[in-house]
């Protein structure tokens, strides 16, 4: 998150809390009605539903399947919006303030979460970090071809530095050595500044703390997220804990079936690598013994450097990759450029960070989109 965005978000909190406080009702208020004369009478009502706010689409899908009819589940990030760098509005924060439960992925996906939750006055709000307890990947941990490239460049720089040091020690006069060392230090400082500028321009994922948040794209890890959500809902409404468990069990059975289908699909595939637009599929790749080769980093808005583009093009040519994957919600231009360069086609591999209006209208959900991803991967891995 950029500093200016943080500052703007911070300025909204005071007004938001006032709005939230004015609009908040107690449970007793919700179960009474006014007679018009300042008196209230009890109102017979059905089982009170939990008010659950969730950060973005996968959290909605998982939560809704666990909650069933026992909660009203509302997604904070609107449909069709890319959630990585999205900012909540004052109305969103007010809605969170009034909620019983807040469900979010964590692992740096919701860059606003700490600042927002730290400003809330709702002490009874139950916060569920769905990725809690999952072994998280560092950004780039699963990107082997880039790591090899970076290692080679580092070794080259190290050898160059050793040569320069040896040369400095070979000088006969101390004043000449001192002058050269001074020049070397000056050059090193300039080089460090240039590297820092290049790193900033390359758009490294500092906003996500270096962690890969895309755990939901592994069906096996999605199971763990569902269990965390079940526990949070049971804490909020312990009287419905058994129903939440039954709902979670039924949904997890679908996730486990999906997991088995992914395992079967990659067992005998011709290749194990695939190129995708941004590094969203590291957990899926690790789970099923595949290698993700991302064009850019963890954020889909990150623009790859010329060196990154060249590295992916070289990889595609060397390994005869026939499909370059792009995704919904962001431009496919970069993937199309690489595909054109290497004579490959493009196809969708959906990170399911949000559904488009068209997908919603077609009745798509997490399971059906993941099955589309599975079919797309099967084709690409067997070309």
Protein backbone atom coordinates (compact mmCIF):
# COMPACT_ATOMS: atom_id res chain seq x y z
CA UNK A 1 0.00 0.00 0.00
CA UNK A 2 1.35 3.42 -0.83
CA UNK A 3 1.94 5.85 2.00
CA UNK A 4 -0.47 8.40 0.55
CA UNK A 5 -3.22 5.79 0.51
CA UNK A 6 -2.52 4.93 4.13
CA UNK A 7 -2.72 8.55 5.12
CA UNK A 8 -5.99 9.02 3.29
CA UNK A 9 -7.41 5.88 4.84
CA UNK A 10 -6.36 7.04 8.27
CA UNK A 11 -8.17 10.36 7.87
CA UNK A 12 -11.39 8.51 7.15
CA UNK A 13 -11.39 6.44 10.33
CA UNK A 14 -12.72 9.07 12.75
CA UNK A 15 -15.70 9.90 10.55
CA UNK A 16 -16.30 6.21 9.90
CA UNK A 17 -16.44 5.33 13.56
CA UNK A 18 -18.95 8.09 14.22
CA UNK A 19 -21.14 6.81 11.39
CA UNK A 20 -20.81 3.24 12.61
CA UNK A 21 -21.64 4.18 16.18
CA UNK A 22 -24.75 6.03 15.14
CA UNK A 23 -25.99 3.15 13.04
CA UNK A 24 -25.22 0.30 15.41
CA UNK A 25 -28.04 -1.52 17.19
CA UNK A 26 -27.85 -3.84 20.13
CA UNK A 27 -29.29 -7.32 19.97
CA UNK A 28 -32.16 -6.28 22.24
CA UNK A 29 -32.96 -3.33 19.96
CA UNK A 30 -33.15 -5.65 16.98
CA UNK A 31 -35.76 -7.83 18.69
CA UNK A 32 -38.13 -5.03 19.71
CA UNK A 33 -40.35 -2.60 17.89
CA UNK A 34 -41.63 0.84 18.82
CA UNK A 35 -45.29 1.46 19.68
CA UNK A 36 -44.91 5.07 18.63
CA UNK A 37 -45.33 6.28 22.22
CA UNK A 38 -41.83 5.72 23.41
CA UNK A 39 -42.53 2.16 24.51
CA UNK A 40 -41.28 -1.09 22.96
CA UNK A 41 -42.80 -4.53 22.79
CA UNK A 42 -41.07 -7.83 22.10
CA UNK A 43 -41.18 -9.09 18.53
CA UNK A 44 -41.24 -12.79 17.69
CA UNK A 45 -38.41 -13.48 15.28
CA UNK A 46 -36.64 -16.35 13.62
CA UNK A 47 -33.16 -17.40 14.68
CA UNK A 48 -30.97 -14.29 14.58
CA UNK A 49 -28.43 -14.49 11.77
CA UNK A 50 -24.82 -13.59 12.19
CA UNK A 51 -23.65 -10.47 10.37
CA UNK A 52 -20.46 -11.62 8.63
CA UNK A 53 -18.21 -9.37 6.57
CA UNK A 54 -15.60 -11.04 4.34
CA UNK A 55 -12.74 -9.40 2.49
CA UNK A 56 -12.96 -10.80 -1.07
CA UNK A 57 -14.52 -13.55 -3.16
CA UNK A 58 -12.84 -16.82 -2.03
CA UNK A 59 -13.53 -15.86 1.59
CA UNK A 60 -17.17 -15.30 0.67
CA UNK A 61 -17.44 -18.67 -1.05
CA UNK A 62 -15.88 -20.57 1.84
CA UNK A 63 -17.80 -18.66 4.52
CA UNK A 64 -21.18 -18.92 2.80
CA UNK A 65 -20.82 -22.68 2.44
CA UNK A 66 -20.00 -23.07 6.14
CA UNK A 67 -22.61 -20.59 7.41
CA UNK A 68 -25.51 -21.75 5.27
CA UNK A 69 -28.70 -19.97 6.35
CA UNK A 70 -27.29 -19.01 9.74
CA UNK A 71 -25.51 -15.85 8.58
CA UNK A 72 -25.81 -12.94 6.22
CA UNK A 73 -22.45 -12.87 4.44
CA UNK A 74 -21.32 -9.67 2.72
CA UNK A 75 -18.22 -9.23 0.54
CA UNK A 76 -16.28 -6.00 1.07
CA UNK A 77 -14.40 -5.94 -2.26
CA UNK A 78 -17.00 -5.49 -5.03
CA UNK A 79 -17.44 -8.01 -7.83
CA UNK A 80 -15.02 -7.53 -10.70
CA UNK A 81 -12.48 -5.58 -8.62
CA UNK A 82 -8.87 -6.76 -8.29
CA UNK A 83 -8.35 -7.03 -4.50
CA UNK A 84 -4.55 -6.78 -4.08
CA UNK A 85 -4.32 -3.00 -3.72
CA UNK A 86 -7.99 -2.26 -3.09
CA UNK A 87 -8.89 0.22 -0.35
CA UNK A 88 -12.05 0.07 1.83
CA UNK A 89 -14.43 3.04 1.81
CA UNK A 90 -15.79 4.69 4.99
CA UNK A 91 -19.03 2.78 4.39
CA UNK A 92 -17.08 -0.49 4.26
CA UNK A 93 -15.37 0.28 7.55
CA UNK A 94 -18.71 1.18 9.11
CA UNK A 95 -20.09 -2.18 7.98
CA UNK A 96 -17.13 -3.98 9.56
CA UNK A 97 -17.71 -2.04 12.78
CA UNK A 98 -21.25 -3.40 13.01
CA UNK A 99 -20.38 -7.00 12.10
CA UNK A 100 -20.30 -10.06 14.35
CA UNK A 101 -17.51 -11.73 12.35
CA UNK A 102 -14.84 -10.49 9.94
CA UNK A 103 -13.24 -13.11 7.69
CA UNK A 104 -10.09 -12.31 5.74
CA UNK A 105 -7.38 -14.35 4.03
CA UNK A 106 -4.33 -12.80 5.67
CA UNK A 107 -0.71 -13.40 4.58
CA UNK A 108 -0.61 -9.79 3.37
CA UNK A 109 -3.44 -10.10 0.86
CA UNK A 110 -5.54 -7.43 2.56
CA UNK A 111 -2.94 -4.72 3.02
CA UNK A 112 -5.48 -2.55 4.85
CA UNK A 113 -6.58 -5.07 7.47
CA UNK A 114 -4.38 -4.10 10.43
CA UNK A 115 -5.04 -0.39 10.10
CA UNK A 116 -8.79 -0.90 9.83
CA UNK A 117 -9.21 -3.45 12.61
CA UNK A 118 -6.92 -1.45 14.87
CA UNK A 119 -9.31 1.50 14.61
CA UNK A 120 -12.51 -0.38 15.49
CA UNK A 121 -14.38 0.05 18.75
CA UNK A 122 -16.38 -3.19 18.37
CA UNK A 123 -14.62 -5.28 21.01
CA UNK A 124 -16.90 -8.27 20.38
CA UNK A 125 -15.97 -8.56 16.69
CA UNK A 126 -14.53 -12.00 15.97
CA UNK A 127 -11.74 -11.81 13.43
CA UNK A 128 -10.94 -14.90 11.39
CA UNK A 129 -7.63 -15.05 9.53
CA UNK A 130 -8.35 -17.93 7.20
CA UNK A 131 -4.70 -18.67 6.36
CA UNK A 132 -3.67 -18.92 10.03
CA UNK A 133 -1.58 -22.01 10.73
CA UNK A 134 -0.71 -22.62 7.08
CA UNK A 135 2.98 -22.78 6.14
CA UNK A 136 3.30 -19.74 3.89
CA UNK A 137 5.66 -19.39 0.95
CA UNK A 138 7.97 -16.46 0.59
CA UNK A 139 7.47 -14.49 -2.60
CA UNK A 140 9.70 -16.03 -5.28
CA UNK A 141 10.38 -19.16 -3.20
CA UNK A 142 8.75 -21.26 -5.89
CA UNK A 143 10.15 -19.37 -8.90
CA UNK A 144 13.21 -21.51 -9.63
CA UNK A 145 14.20 -20.13 -13.02
CA UNK A 146 14.39 -16.57 -11.68
CA UNK A 147 16.28 -17.70 -8.58
CA UNK A 148 18.91 -19.37 -10.79
CA UNK A 149 19.25 -16.17 -12.83
CA UNK A 150 19.59 -14.03 -9.70
CA UNK A 151 22.18 -16.44 -8.24
CA UNK A 152 24.28 -16.26 -11.42
CA UNK A 153 24.19 -12.47 -11.38
CA UNK A 154 25.11 -12.40 -7.68
CA UNK A 155 28.08 -14.75 -8.23
CA UNK A 156 29.28 -12.62 -11.13
CA UNK A 157 29.11 -9.47 -9.02
CA UNK A 158 30.91 -11.23 -6.17
CA UNK A 159 33.74 -12.35 -8.46
CA UNK A 160 34.01 -8.85 -9.87
CA UNK A 161 34.28 -7.43 -6.36
CA UNK A 162 37.02 -9.93 -5.46
CA UNK A 163 39.00 -8.98 -8.57
CA UNK A 164 38.71 -5.30 -7.66
CA UNK A 165 39.87 -6.00 -4.09
CA UNK A 166 42.87 -8.00 -5.30
CA UNK A 167 43.85 -5.23 -7.68
CA UNK A 168 43.68 -2.66 -4.88
CA UNK A 169 46.03 -4.74 -2.69
CA UNK A 170 48.57 -5.06 -5.50
CA UNK A 171 49.32 -1.35 -5.59
CA UNK A 172 52.79 -0.43 -4.36
CA UNK A 173 51.97 2.97 -2.84
CA UNK A 174 49.60 3.37 0.08
CA UNK A 175 48.29 6.70 -1.19
CA UNK A 176 47.35 5.14 -4.54
CA UNK A 177 45.59 2.26 -2.77
CA UNK A 178 43.72 4.69 -0.55
CA UNK A 179 42.59 6.73 -3.55
CA UNK A 180 41.43 3.65 -5.41
CA UNK A 181 39.56 2.35 -2.35
CA UNK A 182 37.85 5.72 -2.04
CA UNK A 183 36.83 5.53 -5.70
CA UNK A 184 35.65 1.94 -5.19
CA UNK A 185 33.51 2.96 -2.20
CA UNK A 186 32.02 5.78 -4.23
CA UNK A 187 31.27 3.41 -7.10
CA UNK A 188 29.74 0.88 -4.68
CA UNK A 189 27.45 3.53 -3.23
CA UNK A 190 26.37 4.61 -6.72
CA UNK A 191 25.79 0.99 -7.70
CA UNK A 192 23.73 0.35 -4.56
CA UNK A 193 21.59 3.42 -5.27
CA UNK A 194 21.07 2.28 -8.87
CA UNK A 195 20.06 -1.20 -7.70
CA UNK A 196 17.59 0.27 -5.19
CA UNK A 197 16.02 2.41 -7.91
CA UNK A 198 15.81 -0.57 -10.26
CA UNK A 199 14.19 -2.67 -7.53
CA UNK A 200 11.57 0.02 -6.90
CA UNK A 201 10.83 0.36 -10.59
CA UNK A 202 10.50 -3.41 -10.93
CA UNK A 203 7.60 -3.29 -8.49
CA UNK A 204 8.75 -5.80 -5.89
CA UNK A 205 5.95 -6.89 -3.57
CA UNK A 206 6.85 -5.03 -0.39
CA UNK A 207 3.18 -4.34 0.28
CA UNK A 208 2.68 -8.05 0.90
CA UNK A 209 5.63 -8.42 3.26
CA UNK A 210 7.26 -10.90 0.87
CA UNK A 211 4.66 -13.61 1.60
CA UNK A 212 2.58 -15.33 -1.04
CA UNK A 213 -1.08 -14.96 0.03
CA UNK A 214 -2.68 -17.17 -2.66
CA UNK A 215 -3.27 -20.22 -0.46
CA UNK A 216 -6.87 -20.69 -1.62
CA UNK A 217 -5.66 -21.86 -5.05
CA UNK A 218 -4.55 -25.17 -3.53
CA UNK A 219 -7.71 -27.19 -2.80
CA UNK A 220 -5.84 -28.95 0.03
CA UNK A 221 -5.06 -25.62 1.69
CA UNK A 222 -8.58 -24.35 0.98
CA UNK A 223 -9.72 -27.15 3.29
CA UNK A 224 -7.65 -25.64 6.10
CA UNK A 225 -9.10 -22.20 5.43
CA UNK A 226 -12.62 -23.62 5.60
CA UNK A 227 -11.84 -25.22 8.97
CA UNK A 228 -10.53 -21.91 10.32
CA UNK A 229 -13.72 -20.19 9.18
CA UNK A 230 -15.83 -22.91 10.78
CA UNK A 231 -14.03 -22.35 14.09
CA UNK A 232 -14.63 -18.59 13.91
CA UNK A 233 -18.34 -18.94 13.19
CA UNK A 234 -18.69 -21.49 15.99
CA UNK A 235 -17.04 -19.03 18.36
CA UNK A 236 -19.53 -16.36 17.33
CA UNK A 237 -22.56 -18.67 17.62
CA UNK A 238 -21.61 -21.74 19.68
CA UNK A 239 -25.21 -22.91 19.71
CA UNK A 240 -24.87 -23.60 15.96
CA UNK A 241 -21.41 -25.20 16.09
CA UNK A 242 -22.68 -28.61 15.02
CA UNK A 243 -24.50 -27.19 12.01
CA UNK A 244 -21.40 -25.25 10.98
CA UNK A 245 -19.38 -28.48 11.21
CA UNK A 246 -21.86 -30.40 9.07
CA UNK A 247 -21.85 -27.65 6.44
CA UNK A 248 -18.06 -27.50 6.47
CA UNK A 249 -17.79 -31.28 6.14
CA UNK A 250 -20.08 -31.28 3.11
CA UNK A 251 -18.12 -28.52 1.37
CA UNK A 252 -14.76 -30.03 2.24
CA UNK A 253 -15.88 -33.25 0.56
CA UNK A 254 -16.15 -31.25 -2.68
CA UNK A 255 -12.71 -29.71 -2.13
CA UNK A 256 -11.16 -33.13 -1.47
CA UNK A 257 -12.70 -34.49 -4.67
CA UNK A 258 -11.21 -31.53 -6.54
CA UNK A 259 -7.85 -32.22 -4.91
CA UNK A 260 -7.91 -35.83 -6.07
CA UNK A 261 -8.75 -34.77 -9.62
CA UNK A 262 -5.78 -32.38 -9.71
CA UNK A 263 -3.48 -35.15 -8.45
CA UNK A 264 -4.73 -37.56 -11.10
CA UNK A 265 -4.39 -34.99 -13.89
CA UNK A 266 -0.71 -34.18 -13.29
CA UNK A 267 0.54 -37.69 -12.49
CA UNK A 268 1.27 -38.66 -16.08
CA UNK A 269 1.44 -35.25 -17.72
CA UNK A 270 4.15 -34.68 -20.34
CA UNK A 271 5.50 -31.56 -18.68
CA UNK A 272 5.49 -30.10 -15.18
CA UNK A 273 5.98 -26.40 -15.88
CA UNK A 274 3.58 -23.65 -16.87
CA UNK A 275 3.92 -19.91 -17.50
CA UNK A 276 1.41 -17.60 -15.88
CA UNK A 277 0.90 -13.86 -15.79
CA UNK A 278 1.57 -13.30 -12.08
CA UNK A 279 2.86 -15.50 -9.29
CA UNK A 280 -0.51 -16.64 -7.95
CA UNK A 281 -0.17 -20.40 -8.36
CA UNK A 282 2.81 -21.23 -6.16
CA UNK A 283 0.82 -23.24 -3.62
CA UNK A 284 -1.01 -25.16 -6.34
CA UNK A 285 2.30 -25.90 -8.08
CA UNK A 286 3.95 -27.05 -4.85
CA UNK A 287 0.99 -29.25 -3.91
CA UNK A 288 1.01 -31.13 -7.22
CA UNK A 289 4.70 -31.21 -8.10
CA UNK A 290 4.55 -28.53 -10.78
CA UNK A 291 6.75 -25.52 -11.55
CA UNK A 292 5.14 -22.13 -11.88
CA UNK A 293 7.04 -19.69 -14.12
CA UNK A 294 5.48 -16.26 -13.47
CA UNK A 295 6.02 -13.32 -15.78
CA UNK A 296 5.63 -10.85 -12.91
CA UNK A 297 5.46 -11.04 -9.11
CA UNK A 298 2.79 -11.52 -6.47
CA UNK A 299 0.77 -8.46 -7.48
CA UNK A 300 -0.99 -8.66 -10.85
CA UNK A 301 -0.52 -4.91 -11.27
CA UNK A 302 3.27 -5.29 -11.16
CA UNK A 303 4.93 -4.53 -14.48
CA UNK A 304 7.69 -7.03 -15.31
CA UNK A 305 11.11 -5.62 -16.10
CA UNK A 306 12.77 -6.13 -19.47
CA UNK A 307 15.05 -8.70 -17.82
CA UNK A 308 12.07 -10.62 -16.46
CA UNK A 309 10.40 -10.63 -19.87
CA UNK A 310 13.59 -11.85 -21.55
CA UNK A 311 14.03 -14.59 -18.94
CA UNK A 312 10.49 -15.92 -19.46
CA UNK A 313 10.85 -15.77 -23.25
CA UNK A 314 14.11 -17.73 -23.06
CA UNK A 315 12.45 -20.29 -20.78
CA UNK A 316 9.45 -20.66 -23.11
CA UNK A 317 11.68 -21.20 -26.13
CA UNK A 318 14.02 -23.62 -24.38
CA UNK A 319 11.16 -25.71 -22.97
CA UNK A 320 8.91 -25.34 -26.03
CA UNK A 321 6.01 -23.92 -24.04
CA UNK A 322 2.88 -23.74 -26.20
CA UNK A 323 0.50 -21.89 -23.83
CA UNK A 324 0.99 -18.63 -21.92
CA UNK A 325 -1.63 -18.15 -19.23
CA UNK A 326 -3.29 -14.83 -18.41
CA UNK A 327 -6.07 -14.07 -15.96
CA UNK A 328 -9.34 -12.26 -15.52
CA UNK A 329 -9.64 -8.81 -13.89
CA UNK A 330 -6.32 -7.49 -15.28
CA UNK A 331 -4.93 -6.78 -18.74
CA UNK A 332 -3.63 -9.74 -20.76
CA UNK A 333 -1.23 -7.58 -22.80
CA UNK A 334 1.99 -8.90 -21.24
CA UNK A 335 1.01 -12.54 -21.73
CA UNK A 336 -0.02 -11.84 -25.31
CA UNK A 337 3.33 -10.15 -26.00
CA UNK A 338 5.30 -13.17 -24.80
CA UNK A 339 3.00 -15.60 -26.60
CA UNK A 340 3.53 -13.69 -29.83
CA UNK A 341 7.29 -13.69 -29.32
CA UNK A 342 7.53 -17.46 -28.84
CA UNK A 343 4.73 -18.58 -31.16
CA UNK A 344 2.44 -19.79 -28.37
CA UNK A 345 -1.26 -19.32 -27.70
CA UNK A 346 -2.86 -17.73 -24.63
CA UNK A 347 -5.43 -19.20 -22.25
CA UNK A 348 -7.03 -18.27 -18.93
CA UNK A 349 -5.76 -19.58 -15.61
CA UNK A 350 -8.00 -17.88 -13.09
CA UNK A 351 -6.57 -16.92 -9.66
CA UNK A 352 -10.19 -16.49 -8.42
CA UNK A 353 -9.44 -13.23 -6.67
CA UNK A 354 -12.89 -12.09 -7.75
CA UNK A 355 -15.60 -13.13 -10.17
CA UNK A 356 -16.59 -10.98 -13.11
CA UNK A 357 -20.21 -9.97 -13.61
CA UNK A 358 -20.38 -12.46 -16.48
CA UNK A 359 -19.12 -15.30 -14.28
CA UNK A 360 -21.62 -14.42 -11.59
CA UNK A 361 -24.45 -14.32 -14.13
CA UNK A 362 -23.38 -17.73 -15.40
CA UNK A 363 -23.63 -19.19 -11.89
CA UNK A 364 -19.89 -19.81 -11.55
CA UNK A 365 -18.33 -20.44 -8.16
CA UNK A 366 -14.97 -21.48 -6.68
CA UNK A 367 -15.40 -25.16 -7.48
CA UNK A 368 -16.50 -24.64 -11.09
CA UNK A 369 -13.75 -22.08 -11.79
CA UNK A 370 -11.12 -24.37 -10.30
CA UNK A 371 -12.37 -27.16 -12.54
CA UNK A 372 -11.94 -24.83 -15.52
CA UNK A 373 -8.39 -24.19 -14.31
CA UNK A 374 -7.83 -27.93 -14.07
CA UNK A 375 -8.92 -28.49 -17.67
CA UNK A 376 -6.76 -25.60 -18.89
CA UNK A 377 -3.72 -26.98 -17.06
CA UNK A 378 -4.31 -30.51 -18.38
CA UNK A 379 -4.21 -29.22 -21.95
CA UNK A 380 -1.10 -27.09 -21.39
CA UNK A 381 0.81 -29.82 -19.54
CA UNK A 382 0.24 -32.34 -22.32
CA UNK A 383 1.09 -30.25 -25.42
